[in-house]
Amino acid sequence: MKAIILAAGVGKRIRSVTDDPKCLLNINEKTLIQRYLETFEDLNIRDVRVVIGYKKERIKELVRKISFSGEIEFVENKGYEKGSILSLWQGIKDIMDDIILMDADVYFEREVLRRLIESPFKNCLIIDTTSESRGEEVMAGVRDDKIMALERGLKADFDLIGEWVGFVKISKSGVEILKEIVKEVIEKTNYRDYEEILPQLFERVEFNYELVDGLKWVEIDFKEDVERAIEMNK
């Protein structure tokens, strides 16, 4: 299984905290990307691809200082300011494996990723039903134990609604279908955030879910999120 980390974005909303990419945010003396790699080490993930763009050399420099026994590959999204779908394309366009696709701006405890990796489902999202939807959060809608929708501020008649952590496991066959979808969108120069096109994948591939209710995690978009992550890490 290959881990793909999308770390190319600018992260404009976190500028009051840092000018670095969000994956380099320091939470109690350890960057987010270091936490990712240490968790991979613990969970026996040895094949990692990092999609970079904004301050790419800074990311390379710091990642190369991290002790990791596996292989780390960097690929560049030169159009990183146009939309994260371009980062997704650079991350998957030549992949022929099962993958774990991950946003680079999440603080999480080991158990969060373990539940995704060790899930019996080949195609799977991890969601937190205890999260409150205030409009910014990307929420997943579940019906008949399958992921049916994914959008910000989701409100509809679902069996279950939970916030998506930003990590997803996709089978080799699912990746091939995702490539088709992403390529078609990009060819229309319809650049957008990649999570907006995932519902098209759910229409063609059955996706299940695992719950991470009660576990420590936070997607970092604002200064307040950094403070929450620091508090969680105490």
C-alpha atoms as a PDB file:
ATOM      1  CA  MET A   1       0.000   0.000   0.000  1.00  0.00           C
ATOM      2  CA  LYS A   2       1.285   3.439  -0.987  1.00  0.00           C
ATOM      3  CA  ALA A   3       0.655   6.575   1.062  1.00  0.00           C
ATOM      4  CA  ILE A   4       0.112   9.766  -0.925  1.00  0.00           C
ATOM      5  CA  ILE A   5       0.282  13.045   1.003  1.00  0.00           C
ATOM      6  CA  LEU A   6      -1.094  16.188  -0.645  1.00  0.00           C
ATOM      7  CA  ALA A   7       1.157  18.975   0.652  1.00  0.00           C
ATOM      8  CA  ALA A   8       1.343  21.470  -2.217  1.00  0.00           C
ATOM      9  CA  GLY A   9      -1.077  24.132  -0.995  1.00  0.00           C
ATOM     10  CA  VAL A  10      -0.355  27.648   0.218  1.00  0.00           C
ATOM     11  CA  GLY A  11      -2.529  27.560   3.341  1.00  0.00           C
ATOM     12  CA  LYS A  12      -3.532  31.236   3.230  1.00  0.00           C
ATOM     13  CA  ARG A  13      -5.815  31.002   6.266  1.00  0.00           C
ATOM     14  CA  ILE A  14      -2.972  30.022   8.587  1.00  0.00           C
ATOM     15  CA  ARG A  15      -0.737  32.996   7.728  1.00  0.00           C
ATOM     16  CA  SER A  16      -1.090  34.491  11.218  1.00  0.00           C
ATOM     17  CA  VAL A  17       0.777  31.431  12.520  1.00  0.00           C
ATOM     18  CA  THR A  18       3.322  30.574   9.826  1.00  0.00           C
ATOM     19  CA  ASP A  19       4.467  31.288   6.268  1.00  0.00           C
ATOM     20  CA  ASP A  20       5.532  27.675   5.849  1.00  0.00           C
ATOM     21  CA  PRO A  21       3.337  24.981   4.265  1.00  0.00           C
ATOM     22  CA  LYS A  22       0.914  23.556   6.818  1.00  0.00           C
ATOM     23  CA  CYS A  23       2.641  20.167   6.831  1.00  0.00           C
ATOM     24  CA  LEU A  24       5.590  21.929   8.509  1.00  0.00           C
ATOM     25  CA  LEU A  25       3.503  23.319  11.350  1.00  0.00           C
ATOM     26  CA  ASN A  26       5.195  22.589  14.639  1.00  0.00           C
ATOM     27  CA  ILE A  27       2.974  21.005  17.274  1.00  0.00           C
ATOM     28  CA  ASN A  28       4.926  20.763  20.539  1.00  0.00           C
ATOM     29  CA  GLU A  29       8.351  20.472  18.896  1.00  0.00           C
ATOM     30  CA  LYS A  30       7.318  18.131  16.093  1.00  0.00           C
ATOM     31  CA  THR A  31       6.075  18.980  12.592  1.00  0.00           C
ATOM     32  CA  LEU A  32       2.928  17.461  11.157  1.00  0.00           C
ATOM     33  CA  ILE A  33       4.891  15.725   8.390  1.00  0.00           C
ATOM     34  CA  GLN A  34       7.201  14.153  10.971  1.00  0.00           C
ATOM     35  CA  ARG A  35       4.170  12.819  12.815  1.00  0.00           C
ATOM     36  CA  TYR A  36       2.876  11.320   9.562  1.00  0.00           C
ATOM     37  CA  LEU A  37       6.151   9.556   8.853  1.00  0.00           C
ATOM     38  CA  GLU A  38       6.513   8.254  12.404  1.00  0.00           C
ATOM     39  CA  THR A  39       2.977   6.856  12.202  1.00  0.00           C
ATOM     40  CA  PHE A  40       3.786   5.212   8.863  1.00  0.00           C
ATOM     41  CA  GLU A  41       6.820   3.634  10.498  1.00  0.00           C
ATOM     42  CA  ASP A  42       4.666   2.264  13.319  1.00  0.00           C
ATOM     43  CA  LEU A  43       2.042   0.916  10.913  1.00  0.00           C
ATOM     44  CA  ASN A  44       4.534  -0.582   8.462  1.00  0.00           C
ATOM     45  CA  ILE A  45       3.872   1.759   5.544  1.00  0.00           C
ATOM     46  CA  ARG A  46       7.152   2.043   3.672  1.00  0.00           C
ATOM     47  CA  ASP A  47       6.180   3.611   0.334  1.00  0.00           C
ATOM     48  CA  VAL A  48       5.354   7.329   0.537  1.00  0.00           C
ATOM     49  CA  ARG A  49       4.770   9.977  -2.117  1.00  0.00           C
ATOM     50  CA  VAL A  50       4.558  13.647  -1.146  1.00  0.00           C
ATOM     51  CA  VAL A  51       2.981  16.097  -3.602  1.00  0.00           C
ATOM     52  CA  ILE A  52       4.644  19.481  -3.194  1.00  0.00           C
ATOM     53  CA  GLY A  53       4.304  22.969  -4.681  1.00  0.00           C
ATOM     54  CA  TYR A  54       4.416  25.981  -2.364  1.00  0.00           C
ATOM     55  CA  LYS A  55       7.884  26.256  -0.782  1.00  0.00           C
ATOM     56  CA  LYS A  56       8.745  22.832  -2.167  1.00  0.00           C
ATOM     57  CA  GLU A  57      12.453  23.035  -1.329  1.00  0.00           C
ATOM     58  CA  ARG A  58      11.671  23.884   2.279  1.00  0.00           C
ATOM     59  CA  ILE A  59       9.549  20.729   2.563  1.00  0.00           C
ATOM     60  CA  LYS A  60      12.234  18.580   0.920  1.00  0.00           C
ATOM     61  CA  GLU A  61      14.921  19.986   3.196  1.00  0.00           C
ATOM     62  CA  LEU A  62      13.047  19.252   6.410  1.00  0.00           C
ATOM     63  CA  VAL A  63      11.612  15.886   5.362  1.00  0.00           C
ATOM     64  CA  ARG A  64      15.077  14.598   4.468  1.00  0.00           C
ATOM     65  CA  LYS A  65      16.154  15.238   8.058  1.00  0.00           C
ATOM     66  CA  ILE A  66      13.440  12.937   9.413  1.00  0.00           C
ATOM     67  CA  SER A  67      14.410   9.377  10.243  1.00  0.00           C
ATOM     68  CA  PHE A  68      12.274   7.043   8.103  1.00  0.00           C
ATOM     69  CA  SER A  69      13.194   3.538   7.001  1.00  0.00           C
ATOM     70  CA  GLY A  70      10.954   3.528   3.936  1.00  0.00           C
ATOM     71  CA  GLU A  71      11.123   5.325   0.604  1.00  0.00           C
ATOM     72  CA  ILE A  72       9.934   8.907   0.146  1.00  0.00           C
ATOM     73  CA  GLU A  73       9.282  10.294  -3.317  1.00  0.00           C
ATOM     74  CA  PHE A  74       8.504  13.936  -4.098  1.00  0.00           C
ATOM     75  CA  VAL A  75       6.351  14.950  -7.064  1.00  0.00           C
ATOM     76  CA  GLU A  76       5.577  18.545  -7.948  1.00  0.00           C
ATOM     77  CA  ASN A  77       2.291  20.276  -8.696  1.00  0.00           C
ATOM     78  CA  LYS A  78       3.359  23.410 -10.537  1.00  0.00           C
ATOM     79  CA  GLY A  79      -0.234  24.646 -10.605  1.00  0.00           C
ATOM     80  CA  TYR A  80      -0.686  24.373  -6.860  1.00  0.00           C
ATOM     81  CA  GLU A  81      -2.549  27.704  -6.649  1.00  0.00           C
ATOM     82  CA  LYS A  82      -5.235  26.580  -9.107  1.00  0.00           C
ATOM     83  CA  GLY A  83      -6.851  23.841  -7.039  1.00  0.00           C
ATOM     84  CA  SER A  84      -5.987  20.714  -5.132  1.00  0.00           C
ATOM     85  CA  ILE A  85      -7.368  18.490  -7.895  1.00  0.00           C
ATOM     86  CA  LEU A  86      -4.092  19.140  -9.724  1.00  0.00           C
ATOM     87  CA  SER A  87      -2.184  17.852  -6.707  1.00  0.00           C
ATOM     88  CA  LEU A  88      -4.381  14.768  -6.687  1.00  0.00           C
ATOM     89  CA  TRP A  89      -3.604  14.166 -10.358  1.00  0.00           C
ATOM     90  CA  GLN A  90       0.139  14.464  -9.828  1.00  0.00           C
ATOM     91  CA  GLY A  91      -0.174  12.084  -6.913  1.00  0.00           C
ATOM     92  CA  ILE A  92      -2.106   9.301  -8.658  1.00  0.00           C
ATOM     93  CA  LYS A  93      -1.591   9.586 -12.426  1.00  0.00           C
ATOM     94  CA  ASP A  94       0.991   6.777 -12.634  1.00  0.00           C
ATOM     95  CA  ILE A  95      -0.092   4.753  -9.582  1.00  0.00           C
ATOM     96  CA  MET A  96      -1.100   1.113  -9.993  1.00  0.00           C
ATOM     97  CA  ASP A  97      -1.483   0.129  -6.339  1.00  0.00           C
ATOM     98  CA  ASP A  98      -3.858   0.390  -3.416  1.00  0.00           C
ATOM     99  CA  ILE A  99      -3.376   3.781  -1.797  1.00  0.00           C
ATOM    100  CA  ILE A 100      -3.973   5.803   1.329  1.00  0.00           C
ATOM    101  CA  LEU A 101      -4.666   9.369   0.177  1.00  0.00           C
ATOM    102  CA  MET A 102      -4.076  11.994   2.861  1.00  0.00           C
ATOM    103  CA  ASP A 103      -4.352  15.735   3.273  1.00  0.00           C
ATOM    104  CA  ALA A 104      -1.150  17.069   4.861  1.00  0.00           C
ATOM    105  CA  ASP A 105      -2.774  19.398   7.374  1.00  0.00           C
ATOM    106  CA  VAL A 106      -4.222  17.009   9.957  1.00  0.00           C
ATOM    107  CA  TYR A 107      -2.973  16.444  13.487  1.00  0.00           C
ATOM    108  CA  PHE A 108      -3.978  12.902  14.484  1.00  0.00           C
ATOM    109  CA  GLU A 109      -3.163  10.155  16.919  1.00  0.00           C
ATOM    110  CA  ARG A 110      -1.882   6.821  15.617  1.00  0.00           C
ATOM    111  CA  GLU A 111      -5.171   4.984  16.151  1.00  0.00           C
ATOM    112  CA  VAL A 112      -6.943   7.223  13.621  1.00  0.00           C
ATOM    113  CA  LEU A 113      -4.814   5.996  10.724  1.00  0.00           C
ATOM    114  CA  ARG A 114      -4.632   2.436  12.055  1.00  0.00           C
ATOM    115  CA  ARG A 115      -8.421   2.117  11.813  1.00  0.00           C
ATOM    116  CA  LEU A 116      -8.310   3.112   8.169  1.00  0.00           C
ATOM    117  CA  ILE A 117      -5.375   0.903   7.201  1.00  0.00           C
ATOM    118  CA  GLU A 118      -6.623  -2.181   9.029  1.00  0.00           C
ATOM    119  CA  SER A 119     -10.248  -1.782   7.970  1.00  0.00           C
ATOM    120  CA  PRO A 120     -11.551  -4.846   6.084  1.00  0.00           C
ATOM    121  CA  PHE A 121     -13.075  -2.493   3.504  1.00  0.00           C
ATOM    122  CA  LYS A 122     -10.993  -2.008   0.367  1.00  0.00           C
ATOM    123  CA  ASN A 123     -12.454   1.434  -0.231  1.00  0.00           C
ATOM    124  CA  CYS A 124     -12.995   3.372   2.950  1.00  0.00           C
ATOM    125  CA  LEU A 125     -13.267   6.813   4.558  1.00  0.00           C
ATOM    126  CA  ILE A 126     -12.800   7.592   8.227  1.00  0.00           C
ATOM    127  CA  ILE A 127     -15.418   9.884   9.729  1.00  0.00           C
ATOM    128  CA  ASP A 128     -16.218  11.427  13.096  1.00  0.00           C
ATOM    129  CA  THR A 129     -19.914  11.659  13.951  1.00  0.00           C
ATOM    130  CA  THR A 130     -19.212  13.756  17.056  1.00  0.00           C
ATOM    131  CA  SER A 131     -18.038  16.735  14.970  1.00  0.00           C
ATOM    132  CA  GLU A 132     -20.306  19.733  14.652  1.00  0.00           C
ATOM    133  CA  SER A 133     -21.009  20.954  11.132  1.00  0.00           C
ATOM    134  CA  ARG A 134     -20.640  24.739  11.048  1.00  0.00           C
ATOM    135  CA  GLY A 135     -20.287  25.050   7.279  1.00  0.00           C
ATOM    136  CA  GLU A 136     -16.504  24.762   6.959  1.00  0.00           C
ATOM    137  CA  GLU A 137     -16.245  21.040   7.740  1.00  0.00           C
ATOM    138  CA  VAL A 138     -16.389  18.465   4.929  1.00  0.00           C
ATOM    139  CA  MET A 139     -19.152  16.089   5.988  1.00  0.00           C
ATOM    140  CA  ALA A 140     -19.862  12.560   4.719  1.00  0.00           C
ATOM    141  CA  GLY A 141     -23.374  11.173   4.398  1.00  0.00           C
ATOM    142  CA  VAL A 142     -23.960   7.447   4.964  1.00  0.00           C
ATOM    143  CA  ARG A 143     -26.922   5.400   3.814  1.00  0.00           C
ATOM    144  CA  ASP A 144     -27.159   1.595   4.086  1.00  0.00           C
ATOM    145  CA  ASP A 145     -23.586   1.543   5.459  1.00  0.00           C
ATOM    146  CA  LYS A 146     -22.202   3.165   2.294  1.00  0.00           C
ATOM    147  CA  ILE A 147     -20.772   6.628   1.707  1.00  0.00           C
ATOM    148  CA  MET A 148     -23.274   8.447  -0.492  1.00  0.00           C
ATOM    149  CA  ALA A 149     -22.258  12.120  -0.261  1.00  0.00           C
ATOM    150  CA  LEU A 150     -19.370  14.375   0.687  1.00  0.00           C
ATOM    151  CA  GLU A 151     -19.648  18.153   0.953  1.00  0.00           C
ATOM    152  CA  ARG A 152     -19.294  21.114   3.251  1.00  0.00           C
ATOM    153  CA  GLY A 153     -22.341  21.824   5.398  1.00  0.00           C
ATOM    154  CA  LEU A 154     -24.042  18.606   4.283  1.00  0.00           C
ATOM    155  CA  LYS A 155     -27.688  18.398   5.338  1.00  0.00           C
ATOM    156  CA  ALA A 156     -29.958  15.648   4.067  1.00  0.00           C
ATOM    157  CA  ASP A 157     -31.785  12.506   5.123  1.00  0.00           C
ATOM    158  CA  PHE A 158     -28.897  10.137   5.819  1.00  0.00           C
ATOM    159  CA  ASP A 159     -28.572   7.272   8.276  1.00  0.00           C
ATOM    160  CA  LEU A 160     -25.374   8.865   9.540  1.00  0.00           C
ATOM    161  CA  ILE A 161     -23.439  12.089   8.993  1.00  0.00           C
ATOM    162  CA  GLY A 162     -19.867  12.608  10.148  1.00  0.00           C
ATOM    163  CA  GLU A 163     -16.928  14.867   9.442  1.00  0.00           C
ATOM    164  CA  TRP A 164     -14.401  13.390   7.044  1.00  0.00           C
ATOM    165  CA  VAL A 165     -10.909  13.354   8.530  1.00  0.00           C
ATOM    166  CA  GLY A 166      -9.244  13.928   5.142  1.00  0.00           C
ATOM    167  CA  PHE A 167      -7.841  10.418   4.727  1.00  0.00           C
ATOM    168  CA  VAL A 168      -9.244   7.794   2.355  1.00  0.00           C
ATOM    169  CA  LYS A 169      -8.226   4.252   1.394  1.00  0.00           C
ATOM    170  CA  ILE A 170      -8.743   3.380  -2.272  1.00  0.00           C
ATOM    171  CA  SER A 171      -8.231   0.023  -3.950  1.00  0.00           C
ATOM    172  CA  LYS A 172      -6.179  -0.394  -7.115  1.00  0.00           C
ATOM    173  CA  SER A 173      -9.327  -0.697  -9.227  1.00  0.00           C
ATOM    174  CA  GLY A 174     -10.812   2.338  -7.489  1.00  0.00           C
ATOM    175  CA  VAL A 175      -7.687   4.353  -8.266  1.00  0.00           C
ATOM    176  CA  GLU A 176      -8.082   3.555 -11.974  1.00  0.00           C
ATOM    177  CA  ILE A 177     -11.633   4.908 -11.942  1.00  0.00           C
ATOM    178  CA  LEU A 178     -10.528   7.971  -9.974  1.00  0.00           C
ATOM    179  CA  LYS A 179      -7.888   8.670 -12.624  1.00  0.00           C
ATOM    180  CA  GLU A 180     -10.577   8.684 -15.316  1.00  0.00           C
ATOM    181  CA  ILE A 181     -12.705  11.138 -13.349  1.00  0.00           C
ATOM    182  CA  VAL A 182      -9.837  13.491 -12.481  1.00  0.00           C
ATOM    183  CA  LYS A 183      -8.449  13.487 -16.011  1.00  0.00           C
ATOM    184  CA  GLU A 184     -11.838  14.392 -17.468  1.00  0.00           C
ATOM    185  CA  VAL A 185     -12.282  17.273 -15.025  1.00  0.00           C
ATOM    186  CA  ILE A 186      -8.793  18.642 -15.662  1.00  0.00           C
ATOM    187  CA  GLU A 187      -9.190  18.422 -19.435  1.00  0.00           C
ATOM    188  CA  LYS A 188     -12.152  20.782 -19.080  1.00  0.00           C
ATOM    189  CA  THR A 189      -9.861  23.102 -17.064  1.00  0.00           C
ATOM    190  CA  ASN A 190     -12.457  22.831 -14.333  1.00  0.00           C
ATOM    191  CA  TYR A 191      -9.941  23.148 -11.525  1.00  0.00           C
ATOM    192  CA  ARG A 192     -11.329  22.779  -8.011  1.00  0.00           C
ATOM    193  CA  ASP A 193     -10.682  21.219  -4.631  1.00  0.00           C
ATOM    194  CA  TYR A 194     -10.358  17.486  -5.089  1.00  0.00           C
ATOM    195  CA  GLU A 195     -12.927  16.490  -2.448  1.00  0.00           C
ATOM    196  CA  GLU A 196     -15.595  18.032  -4.671  1.00  0.00           C
ATOM    197  CA  ILE A 197     -15.139  15.273  -7.254  1.00  0.00           C
ATOM    198  CA  LEU A 198     -15.018  12.332  -4.829  1.00  0.00           C
ATOM    199  CA  PRO A 199     -18.833  11.892  -4.938  1.00  0.00           C
ATOM    200  CA  GLN A 200     -18.409  10.947  -8.598  1.00  0.00           C
ATOM    201  CA  LEU A 201     -16.152   8.131  -7.436  1.00  0.00           C
ATOM    202  CA  PHE A 202     -18.736   7.005  -4.855  1.00  0.00           C
ATOM    203  CA  GLU A 203     -21.261   6.613  -7.686  1.00  0.00           C
ATOM    204  CA  ARG A 204     -19.023   4.064  -9.404  1.00  0.00           C
ATOM    205  CA  VAL A 205     -17.205   2.408  -6.499  1.00  0.00           C
ATOM    206  CA  GLU A 206     -18.717   1.212  -3.225  1.00  0.00           C
ATOM    207  CA  PHE A 207     -17.151   3.068  -0.284  1.00  0.00           C
ATOM    208  CA  ASN A 208     -17.627   2.114   3.338  1.00  0.00           C
ATOM    209  CA  TYR A 209     -16.453   3.857   6.478  1.00  0.00           C
ATOM    210  CA  GLU A 210     -14.817   3.496   9.858  1.00  0.00           C
ATOM    211  CA  LEU A 211     -15.628   5.698  12.839  1.00  0.00           C
ATOM    212  CA  VAL A 212     -12.995   7.622  14.762  1.00  0.00           C
ATOM    213  CA  ASP A 213     -15.387   9.102  17.315  1.00  0.00           C
ATOM    214  CA  GLY A 214     -13.566  10.000  20.519  1.00  0.00           C
ATOM    215  CA  LEU A 215     -10.089   9.889  18.994  1.00  0.00           C
ATOM    216  CA  LYS A 216      -7.733  12.854  18.850  1.00  0.00           C
ATOM    217  CA  TRP A 217      -7.547  14.615  15.504  1.00  0.00           C
ATOM    218  CA  VAL A 218      -8.006  18.080  14.039  1.00  0.00           C
ATOM    219  CA  GLU A 219      -7.761  19.470  10.526  1.00  0.00           C
ATOM    220  CA  ILE A 220      -5.683  22.622  10.760  1.00  0.00           C
ATOM    221  CA  ASP A 221      -7.015  25.602   8.839  1.00  0.00           C
ATOM    222  CA  PHE A 222      -6.951  28.408  11.405  1.00  0.00           C
ATOM    223  CA  LYS A 223      -4.930  29.572  14.400  1.00  0.00           C
ATOM    224  CA  GLU A 224      -7.573  28.098  16.707  1.00  0.00           C
ATOM    225  CA  ASP A 225      -6.981  24.661  15.179  1.00  0.00           C
ATOM    226  CA  VAL A 226      -3.263  24.892  15.975  1.00  0.00           C
ATOM    227  CA  GLU A 227      -4.160  25.689  19.572  1.00  0.00           C
ATOM    228  CA  ARG A 228      -6.517  22.687  19.701  1.00  0.00           C
ATOM    229  CA  ALA A 229      -3.788  20.390  18.354  1.00  0.00           C
ATOM    230  CA  ILE A 230      -1.299  21.643  20.948  1.00  0.00           C
ATOM    231  CA  GLU A 231      -3.829  21.038  23.700  1.00  0.00           C
ATOM    232  CA  MET A 232      -4.562  17.518  22.385  1.00  0.00           C
ATOM    233  CA  ASN A 233      -0.867  16.703  22.409  1.00  0.00           C
ATOM    234  CA  LYS A 234      -0.361  17.504  26.099  1.00  0.00           C
END
